[in-house]
Protein backbone atom coordinates (compact mmCIF):
# COMPACT_ATOMS: atom_id res chain seq x y z
CA MET A 1 6.73 16.50 8.17
CA ASN A 2 8.83 15.29 10.94
CA PRO A 3 7.79 13.60 13.22
CA ASP A 4 10.03 14.25 16.26
CA SER A 5 8.78 18.06 16.58
CA SER A 6 8.64 19.06 20.05
CA ALA A 7 5.38 17.86 21.89
CA GLY A 8 2.48 19.42 21.49
CA LYS A 9 3.28 21.67 18.29
CA ALA A 10 2.66 19.87 14.77
CA ALA A 11 5.65 20.08 12.41
CA PRO A 12 4.67 22.27 9.40
CA LEU A 13 2.35 20.10 7.30
CA ASN A 14 1.19 20.70 3.38
CA ILE A 15 -2.09 21.08 3.47
CA LEU A 16 -4.42 21.34 1.03
CA VAL A 17 -8.44 23.45 1.67
CA VAL A 18 -11.11 22.10 -1.33
CA ASP A 19 -14.11 25.05 -0.10
CA ASP A 20 -15.93 26.37 -3.49
CA GLU A 21 -16.75 29.47 -0.70
CA VAL A 22 -13.54 31.28 -1.16
CA ASN A 23 -13.78 32.94 2.05
CA VAL A 24 -14.28 29.99 3.83
CA ARG A 25 -11.06 29.47 1.77
CA ARG A 26 -9.40 32.29 2.72
CA VAL A 27 -10.05 32.25 6.13
CA LEU A 28 -9.31 28.80 6.78
CA SER A 29 -5.88 29.19 4.95
CA LEU A 30 -4.81 32.16 7.13
CA ALA A 31 -5.84 30.14 10.55
CA LEU A 32 -3.15 26.93 8.94
CA GLU A 33 -0.46 29.38 7.33
CA ALA A 34 -0.32 31.02 11.15
CA ASP A 35 0.38 28.19 12.61
CA GLY A 36 3.01 27.05 10.48
CA HIS A 37 1.29 25.42 7.54
CA HIS A 38 2.02 25.44 4.03
CA VAL A 39 -1.80 25.50 2.42
CA ALA A 40 -2.67 25.49 -1.09
CA GLY A 41 -6.85 26.18 -1.65
CA VAL A 42 -9.07 25.14 -4.33
CA GLY A 43 -12.67 25.54 -4.90
CA ASN A 44 -13.33 22.51 -6.66
CA VAL A 45 -12.60 18.55 -7.41
CA ALA A 46 -10.94 18.82 -10.59
CA ASP A 47 -8.07 21.68 -9.57
CA ALA A 48 -8.03 19.41 -6.23
CA LEU A 49 -6.81 16.37 -8.19
CA ALA A 50 -4.84 18.32 -10.15
CA GLU A 51 -2.88 20.26 -7.42
CA ASN A 52 -2.68 16.78 -5.23
CA SER A 53 -0.70 15.33 -8.35
CA ARG A 54 1.45 18.51 -8.60
CA GLN A 55 2.79 17.74 -5.10
CA SER A 56 2.46 15.58 -1.77
CA PHE A 57 -0.06 16.68 0.84
CA ASP A 58 -0.21 15.39 4.25
CA LEU A 59 -3.91 16.82 4.88
CA ALA A 60 -6.71 17.58 3.05
CA PHE A 61 -10.08 19.85 4.43
CA VAL A 62 -12.68 19.07 1.59
CA ASP A 63 -15.95 20.75 1.83
CA LEU A 64 -19.14 18.14 1.43
CA ARG A 65 -20.77 20.32 -1.27
CA LEU A 66 -18.22 21.61 -4.09
CA GLY A 67 -21.11 23.23 -6.60
CA VAL A 68 -22.21 20.72 -8.09
CA ASP A 69 -19.53 18.03 -7.16
CA ASP A 70 -20.21 16.19 -3.97
CA GLY A 71 -16.93 16.13 -1.62
CA LEU A 72 -17.33 12.55 -0.63
CA ASP A 73 -16.51 11.01 -4.13
CA LEU A 74 -13.21 13.37 -3.61
CA ILE A 75 -11.87 11.11 -0.77
CA PRO A 76 -11.51 8.03 -2.24
CA SER A 77 -9.82 9.42 -5.35
CA LEU A 78 -7.31 11.90 -3.32
CA LEU A 79 -6.69 8.44 -0.86
CA ALA A 80 -6.07 6.36 -4.47
CA ALA A 81 -3.41 8.94 -5.73
CA ALA A 82 -1.64 9.74 -2.09
CA PRO A 83 -2.77 6.79 0.55
CA TRP A 84 -0.98 8.50 3.41
CA ILE A 85 -3.04 11.79 2.92
CA LYS A 86 -5.51 12.42 5.93
CA VAL A 87 -9.06 13.78 5.11
CA ILE A 88 -10.99 16.03 6.88
CA VAL A 89 -14.49 17.00 6.03
CA ILE A 90 -16.03 20.35 6.60
CA THR A 91 -19.70 21.07 5.75
CA ALA A 92 -22.77 23.43 6.68
CA TYR A 93 -25.14 20.22 6.35
CA ALA A 94 -24.40 18.11 8.92
CA SER A 95 -25.53 15.02 9.68
CA ILE A 96 -25.24 11.55 11.20
CA ASP A 97 -25.51 9.73 8.10
CA THR A 98 -22.91 12.15 6.05
CA ALA A 99 -20.84 11.91 9.09
CA VAL A 100 -21.12 7.70 8.65
CA GLU A 101 -20.31 7.76 4.42
CA ALA A 102 -16.85 10.10 4.88
CA MET A 103 -15.33 7.57 7.47
CA ARG A 104 -16.46 4.87 5.21
CA ARG A 105 -14.96 6.47 2.24
CA GLY A 106 -11.83 7.12 4.45
CA ALA A 107 -11.88 10.29 5.71
CA LEU A 108 -10.01 11.07 9.26
CA ASP A 109 -12.68 13.29 10.47
CA TYR A 110 -15.86 15.46 9.66
CA ILE A 111 -16.36 19.08 11.37
CA PRO A 112 -19.63 21.23 11.16
CA LYS A 113 -19.17 24.72 10.19
CA PRO A 114 -19.08 26.86 11.22
CA PHE A 115 -15.68 25.61 13.01
CA THR A 116 -13.24 27.94 15.55
CA PRO A 117 -9.39 27.92 15.66
CA ALA A 118 -9.37 25.47 18.00
CA GLN A 119 -11.32 22.85 16.46
CA ILE A 120 -9.02 22.92 13.38
CA ARG A 121 -6.00 22.78 15.32
CA LEU A 122 -7.23 20.06 17.24
CA ALA A 123 -8.04 18.36 13.96
CA VAL A 124 -4.58 19.05 12.49
CA GLY A 125 -3.37 17.43 15.68
CA LYS A 126 -4.54 14.37 15.41
CA ALA A 127 -3.88 13.76 11.85
CA PHE A 128 0.08 14.76 12.82
CA ALA A 129 -0.31 12.48 15.63
CA LEU A 130 -1.37 9.53 13.20
CA ARG A 131 1.12 10.56 10.19
CA ALA A 132 3.92 10.13 13.30
CA LEU A 133 2.77 6.94 14.31
CA GLU A 134 2.46 5.57 10.81
CA HIS A 135 6.22 6.83 9.93
CA LYS A 136 7.70 5.49 13.14
CA LEU A 137 5.65 2.11 12.01
CA ALA A 138 7.06 2.31 9.16
CA ALA A 139 10.90 2.40 10.02
CA LEU A 140 10.30 -0.24 13.23
CA GLN A 141 9.67 -2.55 10.14
CA ASP A 142 12.23 -1.73 7.90
CA ASP A 143 14.56 -2.07 10.97
CA LEU A 144 12.35 -5.72 11.59
CA GLY A 145 13.03 -6.50 7.51
CA ARG A 146 16.56 -5.60 7.65
CA ALA A 147 17.34 -7.88 11.34
CA ARG A 148 15.30 -10.79 10.05
CA PRO A 149 15.70 -11.05 6.36
CA GLU A 150 13.56 -13.55 4.70
CA THR A 151 14.40 -16.84 4.50
CA ASP A 152 15.54 -18.55 1.43
CA PHE A 153 13.68 -22.09 1.33
CA SER A 154 15.10 -22.94 -2.40
CA SER A 155 16.40 -26.37 -2.25
CA ALA A 156 17.04 -28.85 -4.98
CA GLU A 157 15.36 -32.00 -2.46
CA PRO A 158 12.07 -32.73 -3.39
CA VAL A 159 11.24 -33.54 0.13
CA MET A 160 11.92 -29.98 1.27
CA GLN A 161 10.27 -28.60 -2.00
CA ARG A 162 6.84 -30.87 -0.80
CA ALA A 163 7.31 -29.26 2.64
CA VAL A 164 8.02 -25.53 1.38
CA ALA A 165 4.93 -25.75 -0.49
CA LEU A 166 2.89 -27.41 2.47
CA ALA A 167 3.82 -24.91 4.85
CA ARG A 168 3.04 -21.56 2.26
CA GLN A 169 -0.34 -23.77 1.55
CA ALA A 170 -1.10 -23.93 5.43
CA ALA A 171 -0.17 -20.25 6.01
CA GLU A 172 -3.36 -19.16 3.68
CA SER A 173 -5.08 -21.18 6.21
CA GLU A 174 -6.57 -20.40 9.75
CA ALA A 175 -4.82 -23.66 10.76
CA THR A 176 -2.98 -24.40 14.10
CA ILE A 177 0.62 -25.57 13.08
CA LEU A 178 2.09 -27.77 15.02
CA LEU A 179 6.28 -28.35 13.71
CA CYS A 180 8.33 -31.23 14.57
CA GLY A 181 11.52 -32.12 14.59
CA GLU A 182 14.76 -32.50 16.35
CA ASN A 183 16.44 -29.26 18.40
CA GLY A 184 18.70 -27.41 15.83
CA THR A 185 16.60 -28.24 12.65
CA GLY A 186 15.20 -25.06 11.58
CA LYS A 187 11.71 -25.00 13.15
CA THR A 188 11.52 -21.40 14.14
CA VAL A 189 12.92 -20.48 11.67
CA LEU A 190 10.11 -21.72 9.26
CA ALA A 191 7.49 -21.16 12.32
CA ARG A 192 8.68 -16.91 11.51
CA ALA A 193 9.09 -17.41 7.54
CA ILE A 194 4.90 -19.55 8.06
CA HIS A 195 3.73 -16.13 9.62
CA GLY A 196 5.25 -13.94 6.78
CA TRP A 197 3.56 -15.99 4.56
CA SER A 198 0.31 -15.02 6.10
CA ARG A 199 -2.52 -12.46 6.21
CA ARG A 200 -1.24 -12.20 9.81
CA ALA A 201 2.42 -10.91 8.94
CA ASP A 202 2.09 -7.31 10.33
CA LYS A 203 0.18 -8.66 13.52
CA PRO A 204 2.84 -9.88 16.58
CA MET A 205 3.95 -13.66 16.23
CA ALA A 206 4.90 -16.39 19.24
CA SER A 207 6.45 -19.55 19.10
CA SER A 208 6.17 -22.36 22.23
CA PRO A 209 8.49 -24.73 21.87
CA ALA A 210 7.89 -28.09 23.15
CA PRO A 211 10.28 -29.68 25.83
CA ASP A 212 10.51 -32.49 24.26
CA SER A 213 8.72 -34.97 21.48
CA ARG A 214 6.30 -36.34 23.55
CA PRO A 215 2.23 -36.40 22.83
CA SER A 216 1.56 -34.97 26.17
CA SER A 217 4.03 -32.01 25.76
CA TRP A 218 2.31 -31.36 22.59
CA LYS A 219 -1.09 -31.28 24.85
CA ARG A 220 0.11 -28.95 27.36
CA ILE A 221 0.97 -26.87 24.29
CA VAL A 222 -1.96 -27.02 21.98
CA ARG A 223 -4.92 -27.37 24.26
CA PRO A 224 -4.30 -23.90 26.23
CA ARG A 225 -4.37 -22.41 22.56
CA GLN A 226 -7.42 -24.27 21.74
CA ARG A 227 -9.25 -23.58 24.89
CA ARG A 228 -7.95 -19.52 24.11
CA LEU A 229 -9.50 -19.61 19.96
CA HIS A 230 -12.66 -21.34 21.34
CA ARG A 231 -13.28 -18.35 24.26
CA ARG A 232 -12.61 -15.68 21.64
CA ARG A 233 -14.89 -17.18 18.88
CA ALA A 234 -17.74 -17.71 21.68
């Protein structure tokens, strides 16, 4: 898939159609192929898993009822083999419960039968937009990793070893961390490392340097932060 395709039209996607009704499978495949997509159609869970192992799909349309099999059970299996695949459930037995369960298992969308070409096109567009966003995010993360390679904190000094071990331990907690030291001692570098070791590594980070080492300066920084956390938890 090319995320940089022209606006308003999705680039050709590799799409898997899983439906035990031959006519539905054929009509859906023809509609998708008419928009330029590459389609493979199968009628049961075993063939869907086999096809998914043979080639890489961007999107899968999965019928809720596949003979004696449950289409919902297929969703986690598809995602386990290809975490990037977007799954859209289609069914003639639509209900709120099955829609919620489909989303809980990882489906992107849920379309009741009979559906229109416009509904299918809209669902494909949503899947394409999400895949394009994921591609851009992955590229940005690669760029960030190259711009800020992981710092090597290895040291033969016991004091440094203890400090790094404590920082790693603190990174795994929800504690608010205050780093103290003279200018140029690497406080910002260590702050970025702690953020990278934490469960919030994929979220934005901002450091707040204190103008001097007096306790009054710390209070101006820490207290507003504590008030913001209190309001969020309230």
